[in-house]
């Protein structure tokens, strides 16, 4: 009977000590001053190896969106390396379409035409962006949203 009692005390004491050690180290890991020693991480969801069959080719994905404002710019036409990208009618999020290409490293021209307000002049504005594809790239994502284009 006394053995059970001491064993229970030993188990409870061990659990209490482990909990206190955990709380002590948890307090030491979390700094009191905000933004100091904080770690940021980024998750990459793209390909991690070259395209099967031809490792020299680079994948390019183009996403086309109208301006997020309800009365904002609308995209009329998008062209990548003299190839038209078909556009659909705008959905509720402003998405107009997407296209994928497999190209060799080099420089390519991206053109898109946006339609401004029907009363403002000029009504259509053409934008041109040069896309540089490096041989080290496995994948590029180009996002066109209104007048801006971002290449990642």
Protein backbone atom coordinates (compact mmCIF):
# COMPACT_ATOMS: atom_id res chain seq x y z
CA UNK A 1 0.00 0.00 0.00
CA UNK A 2 2.79 2.41 0.88
CA UNK A 3 4.56 1.44 -2.37
CA UNK A 4 1.51 2.49 -4.44
CA UNK A 5 1.30 5.79 -2.61
CA UNK A 6 4.97 6.64 -3.24
CA UNK A 7 4.66 5.55 -6.86
CA UNK A 8 1.67 7.91 -7.34
CA UNK A 9 3.59 10.76 -5.73
CA UNK A 10 6.59 10.05 -8.00
CA UNK A 11 4.41 10.02 -11.14
CA UNK A 12 2.61 13.26 -10.17
CA UNK A 13 5.89 14.99 -9.30
CA UNK A 14 7.45 13.90 -12.59
CA UNK A 15 4.48 15.23 -14.57
CA UNK A 16 4.55 18.51 -12.64
CA UNK A 17 8.29 18.96 -13.24
CA UNK A 18 7.93 18.18 -16.98
CA UNK A 19 5.06 20.68 -17.26
CA UNK A 20 7.09 23.39 -15.52
CA UNK A 21 10.12 22.70 -17.73
CA UNK A 22 7.90 22.94 -20.81
CA UNK A 23 6.41 26.24 -19.64
CA UNK A 24 9.88 27.60 -18.82
CA UNK A 25 11.27 26.82 -22.28
CA UNK A 26 8.06 27.96 -23.99
CA UNK A 27 8.43 31.33 -22.30
CA UNK A 28 12.09 31.54 -23.33
CA UNK A 29 11.36 30.65 -26.98
CA UNK A 30 8.59 33.24 -27.35
CA UNK A 31 10.24 36.67 -27.01
CA UNK A 32 8.54 39.43 -25.07
CA UNK A 33 9.46 42.04 -27.66
CA UNK A 34 7.37 41.69 -30.84
CA UNK A 35 9.06 41.13 -34.21
CA UNK A 36 12.40 40.29 -32.63
CA UNK A 37 13.88 36.96 -33.62
CA UNK A 38 10.74 36.00 -35.48
CA UNK A 39 11.08 33.54 -38.30
CA UNK A 40 9.23 33.91 -41.60
CA UNK A 41 8.75 31.06 -44.02
CA UNK A 42 7.64 30.87 -47.61
CA UNK A 43 6.12 27.81 -49.20
CA UNK A 44 7.02 27.06 -52.81
CA UNK A 45 4.41 25.15 -54.81
CA UNK A 46 6.08 25.24 -58.24
CA UNK A 47 8.04 22.51 -60.01
CA UNK A 48 11.29 21.30 -58.51
CA UNK A 49 12.77 19.63 -61.60
CA UNK A 50 12.93 20.47 -65.32
CA UNK A 51 10.21 19.54 -67.80
CA UNK A 52 10.40 15.85 -68.74
CA UNK A 53 11.67 15.30 -72.27
CA UNK A 54 13.37 18.66 -72.79
CA UNK A 55 15.15 20.07 -69.72
CA UNK A 56 15.95 23.33 -71.57
CA UNK A 57 12.31 24.45 -71.70
CA UNK A 58 10.83 26.71 -69.04
CA UNK A 59 7.15 26.71 -68.11
CA UNK A 60 5.37 30.04 -68.18
CA UNK A 61 1.90 30.52 -66.75
CA UNK A 62 0.00 33.73 -67.46
CA UNK A 63 -3.00 34.73 -65.35
CA UNK A 64 -5.19 37.57 -66.63
CA UNK A 65 -7.49 39.64 -64.38
CA UNK A 66 -9.41 42.85 -64.80
CA UNK A 67 -8.86 45.63 -62.29
CA UNK A 68 -10.32 44.72 -58.88
CA UNK A 69 -12.45 47.88 -58.75
CA UNK A 70 -15.94 47.48 -60.16
CA UNK A 71 -15.51 50.42 -62.53
CA UNK A 72 -11.80 49.79 -63.09
CA UNK A 73 -9.83 48.93 -66.20
CA UNK A 74 -10.89 46.01 -68.36
CA UNK A 75 -8.44 44.01 -70.40
CA UNK A 76 -9.26 43.83 -74.11
CA UNK A 77 -6.38 41.78 -75.51
CA UNK A 78 -3.30 39.91 -74.23
CA UNK A 79 -0.46 38.69 -76.40
CA UNK A 80 2.66 36.75 -75.40
CA UNK A 81 5.41 36.35 -77.99
CA UNK A 82 2.96 37.17 -80.83
CA UNK A 83 0.46 34.56 -79.59
CA UNK A 84 -2.98 35.79 -78.56
CA UNK A 85 -4.35 34.56 -75.26
CA UNK A 86 -8.10 33.89 -75.43
CA UNK A 87 -10.09 35.88 -72.89
CA UNK A 88 -13.40 34.91 -71.34
CA UNK A 89 -16.02 37.26 -69.91
CA UNK A 90 -15.18 38.58 -66.48
CA UNK A 91 -16.28 36.42 -63.55
CA UNK A 92 -17.18 37.79 -60.11
CA UNK A 93 -13.50 37.86 -59.10
CA UNK A 94 -12.34 39.64 -62.25
CA UNK A 95 -10.62 36.58 -63.77
CA UNK A 96 -10.47 36.72 -67.53
CA UNK A 97 -8.33 33.75 -68.48
CA UNK A 98 -5.00 31.99 -68.30
CA UNK A 99 -2.48 30.42 -70.62
CA UNK A 100 0.59 28.21 -70.32
CA UNK A 101 3.66 28.11 -72.52
CA UNK A 102 6.90 26.16 -72.69
CA UNK A 103 9.70 28.34 -74.01
CA UNK A 104 13.47 28.34 -74.30
CA UNK A 105 15.45 30.82 -72.18
CA UNK A 106 15.58 34.29 -73.70
CA UNK A 107 13.58 37.52 -73.89
CA UNK A 108 9.92 37.57 -74.83
CA UNK A 109 7.45 40.38 -75.29
CA UNK A 110 4.21 40.56 -73.34
CA UNK A 111 1.58 43.01 -74.64
CA UNK A 112 -1.83 43.78 -73.26
CA UNK A 113 -4.42 46.39 -74.04
CA UNK A 114 -6.66 47.82 -71.33
CA UNK A 115 -9.93 49.68 -71.88
CA UNK A 116 -10.42 52.75 -69.72
CA UNK A 117 -13.67 54.55 -69.09
CA UNK A 118 -15.69 55.16 -72.26
CA UNK A 119 -15.59 58.92 -71.64
CA UNK A 120 -11.87 59.32 -70.91
CA UNK A 121 -9.34 59.71 -73.70
CA UNK A 122 -7.48 57.62 -74.80
CA UNK A 123 -9.96 54.83 -74.31
CA UNK A 124 -7.46 52.02 -74.88
CA UNK A 125 -3.91 51.91 -73.58
CA UNK A 126 -1.35 49.35 -74.74
CA UNK A 127 1.22 48.09 -72.26
CA UNK A 128 4.42 46.26 -73.20
CA UNK A 129 6.62 44.29 -70.83
CA UNK A 130 9.77 42.33 -71.61
CA UNK A 131 9.90 38.92 -69.93
CA UNK A 132 13.44 37.62 -69.43
CA UNK A 133 13.56 33.84 -69.02
CA UNK A 134 16.75 32.61 -67.39
CA UNK A 135 18.16 29.12 -68.03
CA UNK A 136 18.04 28.59 -64.24
CA UNK A 137 14.27 29.13 -64.13
CA UNK A 138 12.03 26.09 -63.92
CA UNK A 139 8.76 28.01 -63.93
CA UNK A 140 7.57 31.61 -64.23
CA UNK A 141 4.19 32.96 -63.29
CA UNK A 142 3.03 36.20 -64.87
CA UNK A 143 0.01 37.88 -63.35
CA UNK A 144 -1.66 40.71 -65.28
CA UNK A 145 -4.13 42.74 -63.26
CA UNK A 146 -5.39 45.89 -64.96
CA UNK A 147 -2.40 48.08 -65.78
CA UNK A 148 0.15 46.12 -63.73
CA UNK A 149 2.00 42.92 -64.47
CA UNK A 150 4.06 40.96 -61.97
CA UNK A 151 6.53 38.30 -62.94
CA UNK A 152 7.45 35.72 -60.30
